[in-house]
Amino acid sequence: MTDLLNHYARKILTSRVYDVAVETPLHGARQLSERLGNQVLLKREDLQPVFSFKIRGAYNKLAQLSPEELARGVVTASAGNHAQGLALAAKTLGVEATIVMPKTTPEIKVEGVRSRGGKVLLHGDSFPEALAYSLKLVEEMGFVYIHPYDDPDTIAGQGTVAMEILRQ
């Protein structure tokens, strides 16, 4: 367990998220702090370029890919913040990004991806259907799949939030 923690700590400390993400401030939540009788601080990840911490993991994962992998393009399934984060990360690095979203995805999320340079494919009525289609595209088109949370490089990028909190 200690080896795994050390591994992730090293990955977090060497993450390249600050090529695109910003270090967000901690703000005191006065009323909540008073109500709970404790100091409550909120990490303002809504100040990121995509209004979410998800840009950190998406960008860090892309930054770890080889030039050959980047040239193949990337794909993911997401109906929300990971989709927008990956679209912006890919645009920043000049990589083609295809985002498979369920047909039920709110238009504001679809437009958020498109406005950040992602190619949107609406498929299925649920996330599992969109996921299955995105994995089919990996096999058919050779794209690299970028997982929204279950990938060591994605986890390390998102873990930079914790390191900032510790520093702050």
C-alpha atoms as a PDB file:
ATOM      1  CA  MET A   1       0.000   0.000   0.000  1.00  0.00           C
ATOM      2  CA  THR A   2       2.833   2.393   0.840  1.00  0.00           C
ATOM      3  CA  ASP A   3       4.435   1.725  -2.561  1.00  0.00           C
ATOM      4  CA  LEU A   4       1.174   2.587  -4.308  1.00  0.00           C
ATOM      5  CA  LEU A   5       0.810   5.826  -2.340  1.00  0.00           C
ATOM      6  CA  ASN A   6       4.402   6.805  -3.119  1.00  0.00           C
ATOM      7  CA  HIS A   7       3.838   5.986  -6.779  1.00  0.00           C
ATOM      8  CA  TYR A   8       0.791   8.259  -6.947  1.00  0.00           C
ATOM      9  CA  ALA A   9       2.486  11.031  -4.965  1.00  0.00           C
ATOM     10  CA  ARG A  10       5.332  11.064  -7.511  1.00  0.00           C
ATOM     11  CA  LYS A  11       2.867  11.068 -10.425  1.00  0.00           C
ATOM     12  CA  ILE A  12       0.905  13.933  -8.874  1.00  0.00           C
ATOM     13  CA  LEU A  13       4.027  16.002  -8.242  1.00  0.00           C
ATOM     14  CA  THR A  14       5.156  15.578 -11.863  1.00  0.00           C
ATOM     15  CA  SER A  15       1.757  16.161 -13.454  1.00  0.00           C
ATOM     16  CA  ARG A  16       1.692  18.716 -16.245  1.00  0.00           C
ATOM     17  CA  VAL A  17      -1.717  20.172 -15.436  1.00  0.00           C
ATOM     18  CA  TYR A  18      -0.477  23.746 -15.126  1.00  0.00           C
ATOM     19  CA  ASP A  19       0.055  23.949 -18.875  1.00  0.00           C
ATOM     20  CA  VAL A  20      -3.727  24.521 -18.990  1.00  0.00           C
ATOM     21  CA  ALA A  21      -5.179  24.496 -15.461  1.00  0.00           C
ATOM     22  CA  VAL A  22      -4.839  27.244 -12.886  1.00  0.00           C
ATOM     23  CA  GLU A  23      -4.132  26.947  -9.173  1.00  0.00           C
ATOM     24  CA  THR A  24      -7.475  27.811  -7.658  1.00  0.00           C
ATOM     25  CA  PRO A  25      -7.931  29.537  -4.317  1.00  0.00           C
ATOM     26  CA  LEU A  26      -9.498  28.273  -1.128  1.00  0.00           C
ATOM     27  CA  HIS A  27     -12.377  30.421   0.094  1.00  0.00           C
ATOM     28  CA  GLY A  28     -13.814  30.361   3.561  1.00  0.00           C
ATOM     29  CA  ALA A  29     -17.455  29.373   3.842  1.00  0.00           C
ATOM     30  CA  ARG A  30     -18.399  31.672   6.723  1.00  0.00           C
ATOM     31  CA  GLN A  31     -22.004  30.595   7.300  1.00  0.00           C
ATOM     32  CA  LEU A  32     -21.265  26.897   6.934  1.00  0.00           C
ATOM     33  CA  SER A  33     -18.260  27.255   9.235  1.00  0.00           C
ATOM     34  CA  GLU A  34     -20.402  28.970  11.882  1.00  0.00           C
ATOM     35  CA  ARG A  35     -23.164  26.402  11.556  1.00  0.00           C
ATOM     36  CA  LEU A  36     -20.742  23.490  11.944  1.00  0.00           C
ATOM     37  CA  GLY A  37     -18.528  25.137  14.551  1.00  0.00           C
ATOM     38  CA  ASN A  38     -15.479  24.506  12.420  1.00  0.00           C
ATOM     39  CA  GLN A  39     -13.502  26.185   9.656  1.00  0.00           C
ATOM     40  CA  VAL A  40     -14.832  25.096   6.249  1.00  0.00           C
ATOM     41  CA  LEU A  41     -12.874  26.010   3.136  1.00  0.00           C
ATOM     42  CA  LEU A  42     -14.077  25.531  -0.435  1.00  0.00           C
ATOM     43  CA  LYS A  43     -11.663  24.810  -3.296  1.00  0.00           C
ATOM     44  CA  ARG A  44     -12.771  27.016  -6.199  1.00  0.00           C
ATOM     45  CA  GLU A  45     -12.392  24.589  -9.098  1.00  0.00           C
ATOM     46  CA  ASP A  46     -15.269  26.400 -10.773  1.00  0.00           C
ATOM     47  CA  LEU A  47     -12.593  28.942 -11.744  1.00  0.00           C
ATOM     48  CA  GLN A  48     -10.908  26.483 -14.122  1.00  0.00           C
ATOM     49  CA  PRO A  49     -11.234  27.147 -17.876  1.00  0.00           C
ATOM     50  CA  VAL A  50     -13.906  24.416 -18.060  1.00  0.00           C
ATOM     51  CA  PHE A  51     -15.399  25.226 -14.620  1.00  0.00           C
ATOM     52  CA  SER A  52     -14.340  21.853 -13.186  1.00  0.00           C
ATOM     53  CA  PHE A  53     -11.320  19.964 -11.836  1.00  0.00           C
ATOM     54  CA  LYS A  54     -11.749  17.454 -14.682  1.00  0.00           C
ATOM     55  CA  ILE A  55      -9.442  19.478 -16.941  1.00  0.00           C
ATOM     56  CA  ARG A  56      -6.564  18.404 -14.700  1.00  0.00           C
ATOM     57  CA  GLY A  57      -6.937  14.671 -15.265  1.00  0.00           C
ATOM     58  CA  ALA A  58      -7.772  14.921 -18.953  1.00  0.00           C
ATOM     59  CA  TYR A  59      -4.814  17.159 -19.726  1.00  0.00           C
ATOM     60  CA  ASN A  60      -2.350  15.157 -17.657  1.00  0.00           C
ATOM     61  CA  LYS A  61      -3.397  11.933 -19.382  1.00  0.00           C
ATOM     62  CA  LEU A  62      -2.921  13.473 -22.832  1.00  0.00           C
ATOM     63  CA  ALA A  63       0.433  14.941 -21.802  1.00  0.00           C
ATOM     64  CA  GLN A  64       1.647  11.410 -20.990  1.00  0.00           C
ATOM     65  CA  LEU A  65       0.763   9.953 -24.407  1.00  0.00           C
ATOM     66  CA  SER A  66       3.412   9.314 -27.038  1.00  0.00           C
ATOM     67  CA  PRO A  67       3.443  11.348 -30.255  1.00  0.00           C
ATOM     68  CA  GLU A  68       2.184   8.243 -32.078  1.00  0.00           C
ATOM     69  CA  GLU A  69      -0.758   7.888 -29.694  1.00  0.00           C
ATOM     70  CA  LEU A  70      -1.594  11.591 -29.960  1.00  0.00           C
ATOM     71  CA  ALA A  71      -1.562  11.332 -33.757  1.00  0.00           C
ATOM     72  CA  ARG A  72      -4.224   8.584 -33.594  1.00  0.00           C
ATOM     73  CA  GLY A  73      -6.654  10.916 -31.813  1.00  0.00           C
ATOM     74  CA  VAL A  74      -8.510  10.319 -28.573  1.00  0.00           C
ATOM     75  CA  VAL A  75     -12.025   9.316 -27.635  1.00  0.00           C
ATOM     76  CA  THR A  76     -14.082   9.188 -24.471  1.00  0.00           C
ATOM     77  CA  ALA A  77     -17.642   8.735 -23.322  1.00  0.00           C
ATOM     78  CA  SER A  78     -18.946  11.477 -21.070  1.00  0.00           C
ATOM     79  CA  ALA A  79     -21.989  13.644 -20.654  1.00  0.00           C
ATOM     80  CA  GLY A  80     -20.356  16.354 -18.615  1.00  0.00           C
ATOM     81  CA  ASN A  81     -17.213  17.862 -17.208  1.00  0.00           C
ATOM     82  CA  HIS A  82     -14.729  15.235 -18.411  1.00  0.00           C
ATOM     83  CA  ALA A  83     -16.016  15.748 -21.956  1.00  0.00           C
ATOM     84  CA  GLN A  84     -15.342  19.482 -21.829  1.00  0.00           C
ATOM     85  CA  GLY A  85     -12.005  19.006 -20.095  1.00  0.00           C
ATOM     86  CA  LEU A  86     -10.825  16.504 -22.685  1.00  0.00           C
ATOM     87  CA  ALA A  87     -11.997  18.720 -25.549  1.00  0.00           C
ATOM     88  CA  LEU A  88      -9.990  21.684 -24.223  1.00  0.00           C
ATOM     89  CA  ALA A  89      -6.951  19.550 -23.364  1.00  0.00           C
ATOM     90  CA  ALA A  90      -6.930  18.065 -26.863  1.00  0.00           C
ATOM     91  CA  LYS A  91      -7.361  21.471 -28.506  1.00  0.00           C
ATOM     92  CA  THR A  92      -4.472  22.839 -26.450  1.00  0.00           C
ATOM     93  CA  LEU A  93      -2.218  19.986 -27.594  1.00  0.00           C
ATOM     94  CA  GLY A  94      -3.477  19.952 -31.199  1.00  0.00           C
ATOM     95  CA  VAL A  95      -5.065  16.511 -30.889  1.00  0.00           C
ATOM     96  CA  GLU A  96      -8.312  15.319 -32.461  1.00  0.00           C
ATOM     97  CA  ALA A  97     -10.840  14.502 -29.728  1.00  0.00           C
ATOM     98  CA  THR A  98     -14.083  12.605 -30.262  1.00  0.00           C
ATOM     99  CA  ILE A  99     -16.564  12.725 -27.413  1.00  0.00           C
ATOM    100  CA  VAL A 100     -19.413  10.218 -27.381  1.00  0.00           C
ATOM    101  CA  MET A 101     -22.350  11.576 -25.405  1.00  0.00           C
ATOM    102  CA  PRO A 102     -25.779  10.051 -24.785  1.00  0.00           C
ATOM    103  CA  LYS A 103     -28.553  11.593 -26.878  1.00  0.00           C
ATOM    104  CA  THR A 104     -30.100  12.769 -23.602  1.00  0.00           C
ATOM    105  CA  THR A 105     -27.142  15.053 -22.793  1.00  0.00           C
ATOM    106  CA  PRO A 106     -28.240  18.663 -22.154  1.00  0.00           C
ATOM    107  CA  GLU A 107     -27.485  20.949 -25.100  1.00  0.00           C
ATOM    108  CA  ILE A 108     -25.360  23.243 -22.916  1.00  0.00           C
ATOM    109  CA  LYS A 109     -22.929  20.352 -22.301  1.00  0.00           C
ATOM    110  CA  VAL A 110     -22.861  19.401 -25.992  1.00  0.00           C
ATOM    111  CA  GLU A 111     -22.128  23.004 -26.981  1.00  0.00           C
ATOM    112  CA  GLY A 112     -19.493  23.236 -24.248  1.00  0.00           C
ATOM    113  CA  VAL A 113     -17.595  20.385 -25.902  1.00  0.00           C
ATOM    114  CA  ARG A 114     -18.013  21.738 -29.421  1.00  0.00           C
ATOM    115  CA  SER A 115     -16.932  25.237 -28.391  1.00  0.00           C
ATOM    116  CA  ARG A 116     -13.703  23.744 -27.037  1.00  0.00           C
ATOM    117  CA  GLY A 117     -12.926  21.932 -30.286  1.00  0.00           C
ATOM    118  CA  GLY A 118     -14.268  18.454 -29.541  1.00  0.00           C
ATOM    119  CA  LYS A 119     -16.155  16.409 -32.115  1.00  0.00           C
ATOM    120  CA  VAL A 120     -19.423  15.288 -30.538  1.00  0.00           C
ATOM    121  CA  LEU A 121     -21.135  12.032 -31.435  1.00  0.00           C
ATOM    122  CA  LEU A 122     -24.532  11.561 -29.810  1.00  0.00           C
ATOM    123  CA  HIS A 123     -25.206   7.860 -29.318  1.00  0.00           C
ATOM    124  CA  GLY A 124     -27.595   5.886 -27.145  1.00  0.00           C
ATOM    125  CA  ASP A 125     -29.989   6.947 -24.445  1.00  0.00           C
ATOM    126  CA  SER A 126     -27.661   6.258 -21.526  1.00  0.00           C
ATOM    127  CA  PHE A 127     -24.026   6.447 -20.531  1.00  0.00           C
ATOM    128  CA  PRO A 128     -23.417   2.671 -20.872  1.00  0.00           C
ATOM    129  CA  GLU A 129     -24.546   2.838 -24.502  1.00  0.00           C
ATOM    130  CA  ALA A 130     -22.289   5.830 -25.195  1.00  0.00           C
ATOM    131  CA  LEU A 131     -19.405   4.037 -23.473  1.00  0.00           C
ATOM    132  CA  ALA A 132     -19.879   0.883 -25.550  1.00  0.00           C
ATOM    133  CA  TYR A 133     -19.878   2.952 -28.746  1.00  0.00           C
ATOM    134  CA  SER A 134     -16.738   4.859 -27.742  1.00  0.00           C
ATOM    135  CA  LEU A 135     -14.929   1.569 -27.114  1.00  0.00           C
ATOM    136  CA  LYS A 136     -16.104   0.338 -30.509  1.00  0.00           C
ATOM    137  CA  LEU A 137     -14.482   3.433 -32.035  1.00  0.00           C
ATOM    138  CA  VAL A 138     -11.215   2.540 -30.316  1.00  0.00           C
ATOM    139  CA  GLU A 139     -11.237  -0.790 -32.160  1.00  0.00           C
ATOM    140  CA  GLU A 140     -12.503   0.528 -35.503  1.00  0.00           C
ATOM    141  CA  MET A 141     -10.671   3.866 -35.723  1.00  0.00           C
ATOM    142  CA  GLY A 142      -7.603   3.259 -33.560  1.00  0.00           C
ATOM    143  CA  PHE A 143      -8.356   6.118 -31.160  1.00  0.00           C
ATOM    144  CA  VAL A 144      -6.820   6.138 -27.688  1.00  0.00           C
ATOM    145  CA  TYR A 145      -9.502   5.884 -24.996  1.00  0.00           C
ATOM    146  CA  ILE A 146      -9.236   8.500 -22.239  1.00  0.00           C
ATOM    147  CA  HIS A 147     -10.990   7.264 -19.115  1.00  0.00           C
ATOM    148  CA  PRO A 148     -12.675   9.961 -17.001  1.00  0.00           C
ATOM    149  CA  TYR A 149     -11.446   8.609 -13.659  1.00  0.00           C
ATOM    150  CA  ASP A 150     -10.063   5.044 -13.717  1.00  0.00           C
ATOM    151  CA  ASP A 151      -6.581   5.691 -15.113  1.00  0.00           C
ATOM    152  CA  PRO A 152      -3.370   6.397 -13.170  1.00  0.00           C
ATOM    153  CA  ASP A 153      -2.482   9.508 -15.200  1.00  0.00           C
ATOM    154  CA  THR A 154      -6.018  10.886 -14.937  1.00  0.00           C
ATOM    155  CA  ILE A 155      -6.005  10.214 -11.199  1.00  0.00           C
ATOM    156  CA  ALA A 156      -2.625  11.929 -10.805  1.00  0.00           C
ATOM    157  CA  GLY A 157      -3.806  15.015 -12.679  1.00  0.00           C
ATOM    158  CA  GLN A 158      -6.915  15.265 -10.547  1.00  0.00           C
ATOM    159  CA  GLY A 159      -4.803  14.614  -7.451  1.00  0.00           C
ATOM    160  CA  THR A 160      -3.083  17.955  -7.957  1.00  0.00           C
ATOM    161  CA  VAL A 161      -6.139  19.465  -6.252  1.00  0.00           C
ATOM    162  CA  ALA A 162      -5.102  17.776  -3.008  1.00  0.00           C
ATOM    163  CA  MET A 163      -1.514  18.977  -3.311  1.00  0.00           C
ATOM    164  CA  GLU A 164      -2.745  22.534  -3.772  1.00  0.00           C
ATOM    165  CA  ILE A 165      -4.958  22.244  -0.705  1.00  0.00           C
ATOM    166  CA  LEU A 166      -1.990  21.002   1.348  1.00  0.00           C
ATOM    167  CA  ARG A 167       0.186  23.906   0.118  1.00  0.00           C
ATOM    168  CA  GLN A 168      -2.528  26.466   0.724  1.00  0.00           C
END
